[in-house]
Amino acid sequence: MKITIEVQSDLQEKEIIIRTPKLDQQVKDLSQLLEKQVQQTQHFKFFDQDGTEYYLKLTEILFFETDERKILVHTARQTYLTDKKLYQLAELLPPNFMRVAKSAILNLDQIFSLKHTLTGNVIQFYNSQKQLYVSRSYYKSLKHRLNERRLH
């Protein structure tokens, strides 16, 4: 595989073109990886309690969780609302986000620690006092994903 980067100052936006003799699994995987990367740099629209719209980068988000009928979006210092359902977010979010409970999706890049206690499995985040509990049914797959990431 050959990678070429061309700089054209007259372009309005970045464009990625994949040229291939045939559409195989490697090309499909590469395309999906690029699409997910583009999604990560996009801004998503969220709201605060008074209805103000905010546009956040996915890298700022610690986790999503349900609270009654609302979906809360947690950053290190603030909590926002979204009009999307948790299952919709799970489909839209890149691979560094993972469901860790029926009511929560976690940004794996934001994990500072994972502690196994008698009352449950607790995640702590960088630069935040917020915590998230991991369901027992998701704990094993979370540990697996974290170990995979550590090896790469």
N, C-alpha and C. Protein backbone atom coordinates (compact mmCIF):
# COMPACT_ATOMS: atom_id res chain seq x y z
N MET A 1 0.85 -1.17 0.00
CA MET A 1 0.00 0.00 0.00
C MET A 1 0.89 1.23 0.00
N LYS A 2 0.50 2.22 -0.76
CA LYS A 2 1.26 3.45 -0.90
C LYS A 2 0.40 4.60 -0.36
N ILE A 3 1.01 5.50 0.39
CA ILE A 3 0.29 6.67 0.92
C ILE A 3 0.93 7.92 0.35
N THR A 4 0.09 8.78 -0.22
CA THR A 4 0.54 10.04 -0.81
C THR A 4 -0.28 11.17 -0.23
N ILE A 5 0.37 12.26 0.13
CA ILE A 5 -0.33 13.45 0.61
C ILE A 5 -0.03 14.59 -0.35
N GLU A 6 -1.07 15.20 -0.87
CA GLU A 6 -0.94 16.34 -1.78
C GLU A 6 -1.51 17.57 -1.09
N VAL A 7 -0.78 18.65 -1.09
CA VAL A 7 -1.26 19.91 -0.53
C VAL A 7 -1.71 20.80 -1.67
N GLN A 8 -2.97 21.20 -1.62
CA GLN A 8 -3.53 22.10 -2.63
C GLN A 8 -4.19 23.26 -1.89
N SER A 9 -3.57 24.40 -1.93
CA SER A 9 -4.04 25.55 -1.15
C SER A 9 -5.38 26.10 -1.64
N ASP A 10 -5.80 25.74 -2.84
CA ASP A 10 -7.07 26.25 -3.37
C ASP A 10 -8.28 25.42 -2.93
N LEU A 11 -8.07 24.32 -2.23
CA LEU A 11 -9.19 23.49 -1.78
C LEU A 11 -9.95 24.17 -0.64
N GLN A 12 -11.27 24.02 -0.65
CA GLN A 12 -12.11 24.58 0.41
C GLN A 12 -12.14 23.69 1.65
N GLU A 13 -12.08 22.36 1.44
CA GLU A 13 -12.09 21.43 2.56
C GLU A 13 -11.19 20.23 2.24
N LYS A 14 -10.84 19.49 3.27
CA LYS A 14 -9.98 18.32 3.09
C LYS A 14 -10.76 17.21 2.40
N GLU A 15 -10.04 16.47 1.56
CA GLU A 15 -10.66 15.37 0.83
C GLU A 15 -9.71 14.17 0.87
N ILE A 16 -10.27 13.01 1.15
CA ILE A 16 -9.49 11.77 1.16
C ILE A 16 -10.03 10.86 0.08
N ILE A 17 -9.15 10.40 -0.79
CA ILE A 17 -9.53 9.49 -1.88
C ILE A 17 -8.71 8.22 -1.71
N ILE A 18 -9.39 7.09 -1.76
CA ILE A 18 -8.70 5.80 -1.70
C ILE A 18 -8.79 5.17 -3.09
N ARG A 19 -7.66 4.91 -3.70
CA ARG A 19 -7.63 4.25 -5.00
C ARG A 19 -7.22 2.79 -4.79
N THR A 20 -7.97 1.88 -5.37
CA THR A 20 -7.69 0.47 -5.16
C THR A 20 -8.09 -0.34 -6.39
N PRO A 21 -7.37 -1.41 -6.68
CA PRO A 21 -7.74 -2.26 -7.82
C PRO A 21 -9.02 -3.06 -7.55
N LYS A 22 -9.29 -3.33 -6.25
CA LYS A 22 -10.53 -4.03 -5.90
C LYS A 22 -10.94 -3.63 -4.48
N LEU A 23 -12.22 -3.73 -4.22
CA LEU A 23 -12.76 -3.38 -2.91
C LEU A 23 -12.72 -4.62 -2.02
N ASP A 24 -11.66 -4.72 -1.20
CA ASP A 24 -11.52 -5.87 -0.31
C ASP A 24 -11.73 -5.43 1.14
N GLN A 25 -11.59 -6.36 2.07
CA GLN A 25 -11.85 -6.07 3.48
C GLN A 25 -10.88 -5.03 4.04
N GLN A 26 -9.64 -5.06 3.61
CA GLN A 26 -8.66 -4.09 4.09
C GLN A 26 -9.07 -2.66 3.71
N VAL A 27 -9.56 -2.49 2.51
CA VAL A 27 -10.00 -1.16 2.05
C VAL A 27 -11.25 -0.73 2.83
N LYS A 28 -12.17 -1.66 3.04
CA LYS A 28 -13.37 -1.34 3.82
C LYS A 28 -13.01 -0.94 5.24
N ASP A 29 -12.08 -1.68 5.86
CA ASP A 29 -11.65 -1.36 7.22
C ASP A 29 -10.99 0.02 7.27
N LEU A 30 -10.16 0.31 6.28
CA LEU A 30 -9.49 1.60 6.22
C LEU A 30 -10.51 2.73 6.08
N SER A 31 -11.49 2.53 5.23
CA SER A 31 -12.54 3.52 5.03
C SER A 31 -13.31 3.77 6.32
N GLN A 32 -13.67 2.70 7.03
CA GLN A 32 -14.39 2.85 8.29
C GLN A 32 -13.54 3.57 9.33
N LEU A 33 -12.27 3.25 9.38
CA LEU A 33 -11.36 3.90 10.32
C LEU A 33 -11.28 5.40 10.05
N LEU A 34 -11.18 5.77 8.79
CA LEU A 34 -11.13 7.19 8.42
C LEU A 34 -12.44 7.89 8.76
N GLU A 35 -13.56 7.24 8.49
CA GLU A 35 -14.86 7.84 8.81
C GLU A 35 -15.00 8.07 10.30
N LYS A 36 -14.58 7.11 11.10
CA LYS A 36 -14.65 7.26 12.55
C LYS A 36 -13.75 8.39 13.02
N GLN A 37 -12.58 8.52 12.41
CA GLN A 37 -11.65 9.59 12.78
C GLN A 37 -12.25 10.96 12.46
N VAL A 38 -12.91 11.07 11.32
CA VAL A 38 -13.57 12.32 10.95
C VAL A 38 -14.67 12.64 11.95
N GLN A 39 -15.43 11.63 12.36
CA GLN A 39 -16.50 11.84 13.34
C GLN A 39 -15.94 12.37 14.66
N GLN A 40 -14.78 11.89 15.06
CA GLN A 40 -14.19 12.31 16.33
C GLN A 40 -13.88 13.80 16.34
N THR A 41 -13.52 14.34 15.20
CA THR A 41 -13.17 15.76 15.15
C THR A 41 -14.39 16.64 14.93
N GLN A 42 -15.52 16.03 14.65
CA GLN A 42 -16.73 16.81 14.47
C GLN A 42 -17.26 17.29 15.81
N HIS A 43 -18.05 18.32 15.75
CA HIS A 43 -18.70 18.84 16.94
C HIS A 43 -20.13 18.32 16.97
N PHE A 44 -20.58 17.91 18.14
CA PHE A 44 -21.95 17.47 18.32
C PHE A 44 -22.70 18.53 19.11
N LYS A 45 -23.98 18.66 18.82
CA LYS A 45 -24.80 19.68 19.47
C LYS A 45 -25.43 19.10 20.73
N PHE A 46 -25.27 19.82 21.85
CA PHE A 46 -25.88 19.45 23.11
C PHE A 46 -26.51 20.69 23.72
N PHE A 47 -27.25 20.51 24.79
CA PHE A 47 -27.96 21.59 25.44
C PHE A 47 -27.65 21.60 26.92
N ASP A 48 -27.80 22.78 27.55
CA ASP A 48 -27.73 22.78 29.01
C ASP A 48 -29.15 22.91 29.54
N GLN A 49 -29.28 23.07 30.84
CA GLN A 49 -30.61 23.05 31.47
C GLN A 49 -31.52 24.18 30.98
N ASP A 50 -30.94 25.31 30.60
CA ASP A 50 -31.79 26.43 30.15
C ASP A 50 -32.01 26.44 28.64
N GLY A 51 -31.54 25.41 27.93
CA GLY A 51 -31.80 25.29 26.50
C GLY A 51 -30.74 25.89 25.60
N THR A 52 -29.67 26.44 26.15
CA THR A 52 -28.59 26.97 25.33
C THR A 52 -27.92 25.84 24.57
N GLU A 53 -27.64 26.07 23.29
CA GLU A 53 -26.98 25.05 22.47
C GLU A 53 -25.46 25.17 22.62
N TYR A 54 -24.81 24.01 22.79
CA TYR A 54 -23.36 23.95 22.86
C TYR A 54 -22.87 22.94 21.84
N TYR A 55 -21.71 23.19 21.26
CA TYR A 55 -21.11 22.29 20.28
C TYR A 55 -19.80 21.79 20.87
N LEU A 56 -19.78 20.51 21.21
CA LEU A 56 -18.64 19.91 21.89
C LEU A 56 -17.90 18.94 20.98
N LYS A 57 -16.59 18.88 21.16
CA LYS A 57 -15.81 17.84 20.50
C LYS A 57 -16.00 16.55 21.29
N LEU A 58 -16.00 15.43 20.60
CA LEU A 58 -16.16 14.15 21.28
C LEU A 58 -15.03 13.88 22.26
N THR A 59 -13.86 14.44 22.00
CA THR A 59 -12.73 14.22 22.89
C THR A 59 -12.95 14.84 24.28
N GLU A 60 -13.88 15.79 24.39
CA GLU A 60 -14.17 16.43 25.67
C GLU A 60 -15.12 15.61 26.53
N ILE A 61 -15.81 14.66 25.94
CA ILE A 61 -16.87 13.93 26.64
C ILE A 61 -16.29 12.77 27.44
N LEU A 62 -16.69 12.70 28.71
CA LEU A 62 -16.30 11.58 29.57
C LEU A 62 -17.23 10.40 29.36
N PHE A 63 -18.55 10.67 29.46
CA PHE A 63 -19.53 9.60 29.30
C PHE A 63 -20.92 10.17 29.08
N PHE A 64 -21.80 9.31 28.60
CA PHE A 64 -23.22 9.58 28.44
C PHE A 64 -23.96 8.67 29.42
N GLU A 65 -25.03 9.18 30.03
CA GLU A 65 -25.84 8.31 30.88
C GLU A 65 -27.29 8.75 30.86
N THR A 66 -28.17 7.79 31.15
CA THR A 66 -29.59 8.11 31.23
C THR A 66 -29.94 8.48 32.66
N ASP A 67 -30.83 9.43 32.78
CA ASP A 67 -31.37 9.83 34.08
C ASP A 67 -32.86 10.05 33.86
N GLU A 68 -33.65 9.07 34.30
CA GLU A 68 -35.07 9.02 34.01
C GLU A 68 -35.24 8.98 32.49
N ARG A 69 -35.80 10.00 31.89
CA ARG A 69 -36.01 9.98 30.43
C ARG A 69 -35.03 10.88 29.69
N LYS A 70 -34.07 11.45 30.41
CA LYS A 70 -33.10 12.35 29.79
C LYS A 70 -31.78 11.62 29.57
N ILE A 71 -31.05 12.04 28.53
CA ILE A 71 -29.70 11.54 28.29
C ILE A 71 -28.74 12.68 28.65
N LEU A 72 -27.89 12.41 29.63
CA LEU A 72 -26.93 13.40 30.10
C LEU A 72 -25.58 13.17 29.44
N VAL A 73 -24.92 14.27 29.11
CA VAL A 73 -23.60 14.25 28.49
C VAL A 73 -22.65 14.87 29.50
N HIS A 74 -21.69 14.10 29.99
CA HIS A 74 -20.77 14.57 31.02
C HIS A 74 -19.42 14.92 30.43
N THR A 75 -18.97 16.15 30.72
CA THR A 75 -17.59 16.53 30.48
C THR A 75 -16.93 16.65 31.85
N ALA A 76 -15.67 17.01 31.90
CA ALA A 76 -14.97 17.09 33.19
C ALA A 76 -15.62 18.08 34.15
N ARG A 77 -16.16 19.17 33.62
CA ARG A 77 -16.68 20.22 34.49
C ARG A 77 -18.17 20.50 34.36
N GLN A 78 -18.81 19.95 33.35
CA GLN A 78 -20.19 20.34 33.06
C GLN A 78 -21.02 19.13 32.66
N THR A 79 -22.33 19.28 32.75
CA THR A 79 -23.26 18.25 32.29
C THR A 79 -24.24 18.91 31.33
N TYR A 80 -24.46 18.26 30.19
CA TYR A 80 -25.36 18.76 29.16
C TYR A 80 -26.44 17.72 28.89
N LEU A 81 -27.40 18.10 28.07
CA LEU A 81 -28.45 17.18 27.64
C LEU A 81 -28.33 16.96 26.14
N THR A 82 -28.83 15.83 25.68
CA THR A 82 -28.92 15.59 24.24
C THR A 82 -30.30 15.05 23.93
N ASP A 83 -30.74 15.30 22.71
CA ASP A 83 -32.05 14.80 22.29
C ASP A 83 -31.95 13.41 21.68
N LYS A 84 -30.75 12.89 21.55
CA LYS A 84 -30.56 11.55 20.99
C LYS A 84 -30.78 10.49 22.06
N LYS A 85 -31.19 9.32 21.63
CA LYS A 85 -31.33 8.16 22.52
C LYS A 85 -29.96 7.49 22.67
N LEU A 86 -29.80 6.73 23.73
CA LEU A 86 -28.52 6.06 23.98
C LEU A 86 -28.15 5.10 22.86
N TYR A 87 -29.13 4.37 22.34
CA TYR A 87 -28.83 3.43 21.25
C TYR A 87 -28.42 4.18 19.98
N GLN A 88 -28.96 5.38 19.75
CA GLN A 88 -28.56 6.18 18.60
C GLN A 88 -27.12 6.65 18.76
N LEU A 89 -26.78 7.08 19.96
CA LEU A 89 -25.40 7.50 20.22
C LEU A 89 -24.43 6.35 20.02
N ALA A 90 -24.80 5.16 20.47
CA ALA A 90 -23.93 3.99 20.32
C ALA A 90 -23.62 3.72 18.86
N GLU A 91 -24.57 3.98 17.97
CA GLU A 91 -24.36 3.79 16.53
C GLU A 91 -23.50 4.89 15.92
N LEU A 92 -23.64 6.11 16.43
CA LEU A 92 -22.94 7.27 15.87
C LEU A 92 -21.50 7.42 16.36
N LEU A 93 -21.24 7.00 17.56
CA LEU A 93 -19.95 7.27 18.19
C LEU A 93 -18.83 6.39 17.64
N PRO A 94 -17.61 6.92 17.65
CA PRO A 94 -16.45 6.14 17.18
C PRO A 94 -16.10 5.00 18.15
N PRO A 95 -15.18 4.13 17.76
CA PRO A 95 -14.87 2.94 18.56
C PRO A 95 -14.29 3.20 19.95
N ASN A 96 -13.80 4.39 20.22
CA ASN A 96 -13.29 4.66 21.56
C ASN A 96 -14.40 4.90 22.58
N PHE A 97 -15.66 4.83 22.14
CA PHE A 97 -16.79 4.88 23.05
C PHE A 97 -17.37 3.48 23.18
N MET A 98 -17.76 3.12 24.40
CA MET A 98 -18.22 1.76 24.66
C MET A 98 -19.34 1.79 25.69
N ARG A 99 -20.34 0.97 25.46
CA ARG A 99 -21.41 0.82 26.44
C ARG A 99 -20.85 0.04 27.63
N VAL A 100 -21.07 0.56 28.85
CA VAL A 100 -20.56 -0.09 30.06
C VAL A 100 -21.68 -0.39 31.06
N ALA A 101 -22.89 -0.05 30.68
CA ALA A 101 -24.08 -0.36 31.46
C ALA A 101 -25.27 -0.15 30.54
N LYS A 102 -26.40 -0.65 30.93
CA LYS A 102 -27.60 -0.46 30.13
C LYS A 102 -27.88 1.04 29.96
N SER A 103 -27.43 1.81 30.94
CA SER A 103 -27.73 3.24 30.95
C SER A 103 -26.51 4.14 30.75
N ALA A 104 -25.39 3.59 30.24
CA ALA A 104 -24.19 4.44 30.13
C ALA A 104 -23.28 4.02 28.98
N ILE A 105 -22.70 5.04 28.32
CA ILE A 105 -21.67 4.85 27.29
C ILE A 105 -20.46 5.67 27.74
N LEU A 106 -19.29 5.06 27.65
CA LEU A 106 -18.06 5.61 28.20
C LEU A 106 -17.06 5.95 27.09
N ASN A 107 -16.32 7.04 27.28
CA ASN A 107 -15.19 7.38 26.40
C ASN A 107 -13.95 6.70 26.97
N LEU A 108 -13.47 5.66 26.32
CA LEU A 108 -12.32 4.90 26.82
C LEU A 108 -11.06 5.75 26.96
N ASP A 109 -10.94 6.80 26.15
CA ASP A 109 -9.75 7.65 26.19
C ASP A 109 -9.68 8.51 27.46
N GLN A 110 -10.79 8.62 28.18
CA GLN A 110 -10.85 9.49 29.35
C GLN A 110 -10.68 8.74 30.68
N ILE A 111 -10.50 7.43 30.63
CA ILE A 111 -10.40 6.65 31.87
C ILE A 111 -9.06 6.90 32.56
N PHE A 112 -9.15 7.25 33.83
CA PHE A 112 -7.95 7.37 34.67
C PHE A 112 -7.72 6.09 35.45
N SER A 113 -8.80 5.53 36.01
CA SER A 113 -8.66 4.28 36.77
C SER A 113 -9.95 3.48 36.73
N LEU A 114 -9.80 2.19 36.94
CA LEU A 114 -10.92 1.25 37.05
C LEU A 114 -10.69 0.47 38.33
N LYS A 115 -11.62 0.62 39.26
CA LYS A 115 -11.46 0.00 40.57
C LYS A 115 -12.57 -1.02 40.80
N HIS A 116 -12.18 -2.23 41.16
CA HIS A 116 -13.12 -3.30 41.46
C HIS A 116 -13.38 -3.29 42.97
N THR A 117 -14.62 -3.02 43.38
CA THR A 117 -14.96 -2.96 44.80
C THR A 117 -16.08 -3.94 45.12
N LEU A 118 -16.41 -4.06 46.39
CA LEU A 118 -17.51 -4.94 46.80
C LEU A 118 -18.85 -4.45 46.26
N THR A 119 -18.99 -3.14 46.15
CA THR A 119 -20.27 -2.59 45.69
C THR A 119 -20.36 -2.43 44.18
N GLY A 120 -19.26 -2.63 43.47
CA GLY A 120 -19.30 -2.51 42.02
C GLY A 120 -17.95 -2.13 41.45
N ASN A 121 -17.95 -1.87 40.17
CA ASN A 121 -16.74 -1.48 39.45
C ASN A 121 -16.84 0.00 39.12
N VAL A 122 -15.88 0.77 39.60
CA VAL A 122 -15.96 2.23 39.50
C VAL A 122 -14.87 2.76 38.57
N ILE A 123 -15.28 3.63 37.66
CA ILE A 123 -14.34 4.31 36.77
C ILE A 123 -14.15 5.74 37.26
N GLN A 124 -12.90 6.17 37.31
CA GLN A 124 -12.59 7.56 37.59
C GLN A 124 -11.94 8.16 36.35
N PHE A 125 -12.08 9.47 36.20
CA PHE A 125 -11.65 10.16 34.99
C PHE A 125 -10.53 11.14 35.27
N TYR A 126 -9.76 11.44 34.22
CA TYR A 126 -8.72 12.47 34.30
C TYR A 126 -9.37 13.82 34.60
N ASN A 127 -8.76 14.61 35.44
CA ASN A 127 -9.16 16.00 35.70
C ASN A 127 -10.63 16.16 36.07
N SER A 128 -11.20 15.19 36.77
CA SER A 128 -12.60 15.28 37.15
C SER A 128 -12.86 14.43 38.39
N GLN A 129 -13.80 14.86 39.19
CA GLN A 129 -14.22 14.09 40.36
C GLN A 129 -15.36 13.14 40.01
N LYS A 130 -15.83 13.19 38.78
CA LYS A 130 -16.95 12.34 38.38
C LYS A 130 -16.54 10.88 38.34
N GLN A 131 -17.53 10.02 38.65
CA GLN A 131 -17.32 8.58 38.62
C GLN A 131 -18.46 7.94 37.85
N LEU A 132 -18.19 6.73 37.36
CA LEU A 132 -19.21 5.97 36.63
C LEU A 132 -19.09 4.52 37.05
N TYR A 133 -20.22 3.90 37.32
CA TYR A 133 -20.23 2.48 37.68
C TYR A 133 -20.41 1.64 36.43
N VAL A 134 -19.62 0.57 36.36
CA VAL A 134 -19.68 -0.37 35.24
C VAL A 134 -20.51 -1.56 35.67
N SER A 135 -21.48 -1.92 34.86
CA SER A 135 -22.31 -3.08 35.13
C SER A 135 -21.47 -4.35 35.10
N ARG A 136 -21.81 -5.32 35.95
CA ARG A 136 -21.07 -6.59 35.98
C ARG A 136 -21.07 -7.27 34.62
N SER A 137 -22.17 -7.15 33.89
CA SER A 137 -22.25 -7.82 32.58
C SER A 137 -21.34 -7.19 31.53
N TYR A 138 -20.90 -5.95 31.74
CA TYR A 138 -20.02 -5.26 30.79
C TYR A 138 -18.57 -5.23 31.27
N TYR A 139 -18.31 -5.60 32.50
CA TYR A 139 -16.98 -5.47 33.09
C TYR A 139 -15.92 -6.26 32.31
N LYS A 140 -16.22 -7.50 31.98
CA LYS A 140 -15.24 -8.35 31.29
C LYS A 140 -14.88 -7.78 29.92
N SER A 141 -15.87 -7.33 29.17
CA SER A 141 -15.58 -6.78 27.84
C SER A 141 -14.83 -5.45 27.95
N LEU A 142 -15.11 -4.67 28.99
CA LEU A 142 -14.36 -3.43 29.21
C LEU A 142 -12.90 -3.73 29.50
N LYS A 143 -12.64 -4.67 30.39
CA LYS A 143 -11.26 -5.05 30.70
C LYS A 143 -10.53 -5.54 29.44
N HIS A 144 -11.24 -6.31 28.63
CA HIS A 144 -10.66 -6.81 27.38
C HIS A 144 -10.28 -5.65 26.45
N ARG A 145 -11.20 -4.69 26.28
CA ARG A 145 -10.93 -3.53 25.42
C ARG A 145 -9.76 -2.71 25.95
N LEU A 146 -9.69 -2.52 27.26
CA LEU A 146 -8.59 -1.75 27.85
C LEU A 146 -7.26 -2.47 27.66
N ASN A 147 -7.25 -3.77 27.81
CA ASN A 147 -6.02 -4.53 27.58
C ASN A 147 -5.59 -4.48 26.12
N GLU A 148 -6.55 -4.55 25.19
CA GLU A 148 -6.25 -4.44 23.76
C GLU A 148 -5.59 -3.10 23.46
N ARG A 149 -6.14 -2.04 24.01
CA ARG A 149 -5.63 -0.70 23.76
C ARG A 149 -4.23 -0.53 24.34
N ARG A 150 -3.98 -1.16 25.47
CA ARG A 150 -2.67 -1.06 26.10
C ARG A 150 -1.60 -1.74 25.27
N LEU A 151 -1.97 -2.80 24.56
CA LEU A 151 -1.02 -3.54 23.75
C LEU A 151 -0.68 -2.84 22.44
N HIS A 152 -1.54 -1.93 21.98
CA HIS A 152 -1.32 -1.27 20.68
C HIS A 152 -0.61 0.03 20.83
